[in-house]
């Protein structure tokens, strides 16, 4: 298990994705690719953000998925 500690500030967003999201990414470095996709999303509300993220990953995966894809985002207030 990996453990990371970060100080969070108001306006930060914590994002969690399921293995189905990661499996849909065919890039060699999946985490870096996911970070780049996250940076492209302009939505700032968690519900809109996760919807756009899953849709983007689904499109990059050729509109196919081997597993269900889920994402959760929490906005720090």
C-alpha atoms as a PDB file:
ATOM      1  CA  UNK A   1       0.000   0.000   0.000  1.00  0.00           C
ATOM      2  CA  UNK A   2       1.279   3.468  -0.900  1.00  0.00           C
ATOM      3  CA  UNK A   3       0.826   6.256   1.623  1.00  0.00           C
ATOM      4  CA  UNK A   4       1.161   9.947   0.804  1.00  0.00           C
ATOM      5  CA  UNK A   5       0.663  12.956   3.033  1.00  0.00           C
ATOM      6  CA  UNK A   6      -0.309  16.345   1.612  1.00  0.00           C
ATOM      7  CA  UNK A   7      -1.466  19.582   3.193  1.00  0.00           C
ATOM      8  CA  UNK A   8      -4.782  20.562   1.666  1.00  0.00           C
ATOM      9  CA  UNK A   9      -6.064  24.093   1.261  1.00  0.00           C
ATOM     10  CA  UNK A  10      -9.489  25.525   0.439  1.00  0.00           C
ATOM     11  CA  UNK A  11     -10.122  25.081  -3.276  1.00  0.00           C
ATOM     12  CA  UNK A  12      -7.972  21.925  -3.564  1.00  0.00           C
ATOM     13  CA  UNK A  13      -9.671  18.855  -4.956  1.00  0.00           C
ATOM     14  CA  UNK A  14      -9.003  15.247  -3.962  1.00  0.00           C
ATOM     15  CA  UNK A  15      -9.680  12.832  -6.829  1.00  0.00           C
ATOM     16  CA  UNK A  16      -9.992   9.057  -6.606  1.00  0.00           C
ATOM     17  CA  UNK A  17     -10.515   6.753  -9.584  1.00  0.00           C
ATOM     18  CA  UNK A  18     -11.316   3.059  -9.846  1.00  0.00           C
ATOM     19  CA  UNK A  19      -9.101   0.472 -11.479  1.00  0.00           C
ATOM     20  CA  UNK A  20     -11.477   0.539 -14.459  1.00  0.00           C
ATOM     21  CA  UNK A  21     -10.410   4.128 -15.165  1.00  0.00           C
ATOM     22  CA  UNK A  22      -6.739   3.197 -14.997  1.00  0.00           C
ATOM     23  CA  UNK A  23      -7.287   0.086 -17.155  1.00  0.00           C
ATOM     24  CA  UNK A  24      -8.899   2.212 -19.880  1.00  0.00           C
ATOM     25  CA  UNK A  25      -5.679   4.221 -20.269  1.00  0.00           C
ATOM     26  CA  UNK A  26      -3.323   2.549 -22.715  1.00  0.00           C
ATOM     27  CA  UNK A  27      -0.370   4.883 -22.104  1.00  0.00           C
ATOM     28  CA  UNK A  28       2.809   3.334 -20.730  1.00  0.00           C
ATOM     29  CA  UNK A  29       2.868   5.733 -17.743  1.00  0.00           C
ATOM     30  CA  UNK A  30      -0.800   5.739 -16.765  1.00  0.00           C
ATOM     31  CA  UNK A  31      -0.420   8.028 -13.753  1.00  0.00           C
ATOM     32  CA  UNK A  32       1.351  10.750 -15.732  1.00  0.00           C
ATOM     33  CA  UNK A  33      -1.211  10.461 -18.513  1.00  0.00           C
ATOM     34  CA  UNK A  34      -4.061  10.751 -15.992  1.00  0.00           C
ATOM     35  CA  UNK A  35      -2.438  13.847 -14.431  1.00  0.00           C
ATOM     36  CA  UNK A  36      -2.261  15.458 -17.877  1.00  0.00           C
ATOM     37  CA  UNK A  37      -5.933  14.719 -18.510  1.00  0.00           C
ATOM     38  CA  UNK A  38      -6.886  16.114 -15.104  1.00  0.00           C
ATOM     39  CA  UNK A  39      -5.058  19.356 -15.914  1.00  0.00           C
ATOM     40  CA  UNK A  40      -7.138  19.747 -19.100  1.00  0.00           C
ATOM     41  CA  UNK A  41     -10.455  19.715 -17.240  1.00  0.00           C
ATOM     42  CA  UNK A  42     -11.875  23.166 -16.539  1.00  0.00           C
ATOM     43  CA  UNK A  43     -14.759  22.093 -14.287  1.00  0.00           C
ATOM     44  CA  UNK A  44     -14.324  23.161 -10.663  1.00  0.00           C
ATOM     45  CA  UNK A  45     -17.333  21.440  -9.093  1.00  0.00           C
ATOM     46  CA  UNK A  46     -16.674  17.809  -8.077  1.00  0.00           C
ATOM     47  CA  UNK A  47     -19.717  16.340  -9.857  1.00  0.00           C
ATOM     48  CA  UNK A  48     -18.932  18.082 -13.151  1.00  0.00           C
ATOM     49  CA  UNK A  49     -15.222  17.313 -12.797  1.00  0.00           C
ATOM     50  CA  UNK A  50     -15.670  13.562 -12.324  1.00  0.00           C
ATOM     51  CA  UNK A  51     -18.214  13.331 -15.128  1.00  0.00           C
ATOM     52  CA  UNK A  52     -15.837  15.082 -17.532  1.00  0.00           C
ATOM     53  CA  UNK A  53     -12.883  12.964 -16.375  1.00  0.00           C
ATOM     54  CA  UNK A  54     -14.658   9.637 -16.909  1.00  0.00           C
ATOM     55  CA  UNK A  55     -15.996  10.782 -20.295  1.00  0.00           C
ATOM     56  CA  UNK A  56     -12.493  11.861 -21.357  1.00  0.00           C
ATOM     57  CA  UNK A  57     -10.918   8.569 -20.289  1.00  0.00           C
ATOM     58  CA  UNK A  58     -13.716   6.638 -22.008  1.00  0.00           C
ATOM     59  CA  UNK A  59     -13.124   8.579 -25.244  1.00  0.00           C
ATOM     60  CA  UNK A  60      -9.349   8.025 -25.054  1.00  0.00           C
ATOM     61  CA  UNK A  61     -10.043   4.312 -24.588  1.00  0.00           C
ATOM     62  CA  UNK A  62     -11.909   4.197 -27.898  1.00  0.00           C
ATOM     63  CA  UNK A  63     -15.354   4.469 -26.269  1.00  0.00           C
ATOM     64  CA  UNK A  64     -14.888   1.024 -24.772  1.00  0.00           C
ATOM     65  CA  UNK A  65     -14.132  -0.182 -21.288  1.00  0.00           C
ATOM     66  CA  UNK A  66     -13.197  -3.578 -19.911  1.00  0.00           C
ATOM     67  CA  UNK A  67     -14.519  -2.715 -16.461  1.00  0.00           C
ATOM     68  CA  UNK A  68     -16.839  -0.155 -14.950  1.00  0.00           C
ATOM     69  CA  UNK A  69     -15.215   3.231 -14.422  1.00  0.00           C
ATOM     70  CA  UNK A  70     -15.829   5.357 -11.349  1.00  0.00           C
ATOM     71  CA  UNK A  71     -14.384   8.607 -10.075  1.00  0.00           C
ATOM     72  CA  UNK A  72     -14.935  10.543  -6.871  1.00  0.00           C
ATOM     73  CA  UNK A  73     -13.828  14.118  -6.256  1.00  0.00           C
ATOM     74  CA  UNK A  74     -13.961  16.047  -2.998  1.00  0.00           C
ATOM     75  CA  UNK A  75     -13.537  19.815  -2.851  1.00  0.00           C
ATOM     76  CA  UNK A  76     -11.718  21.171   0.194  1.00  0.00           C
ATOM     77  CA  UNK A  77     -13.601  24.088   1.750  1.00  0.00           C
END
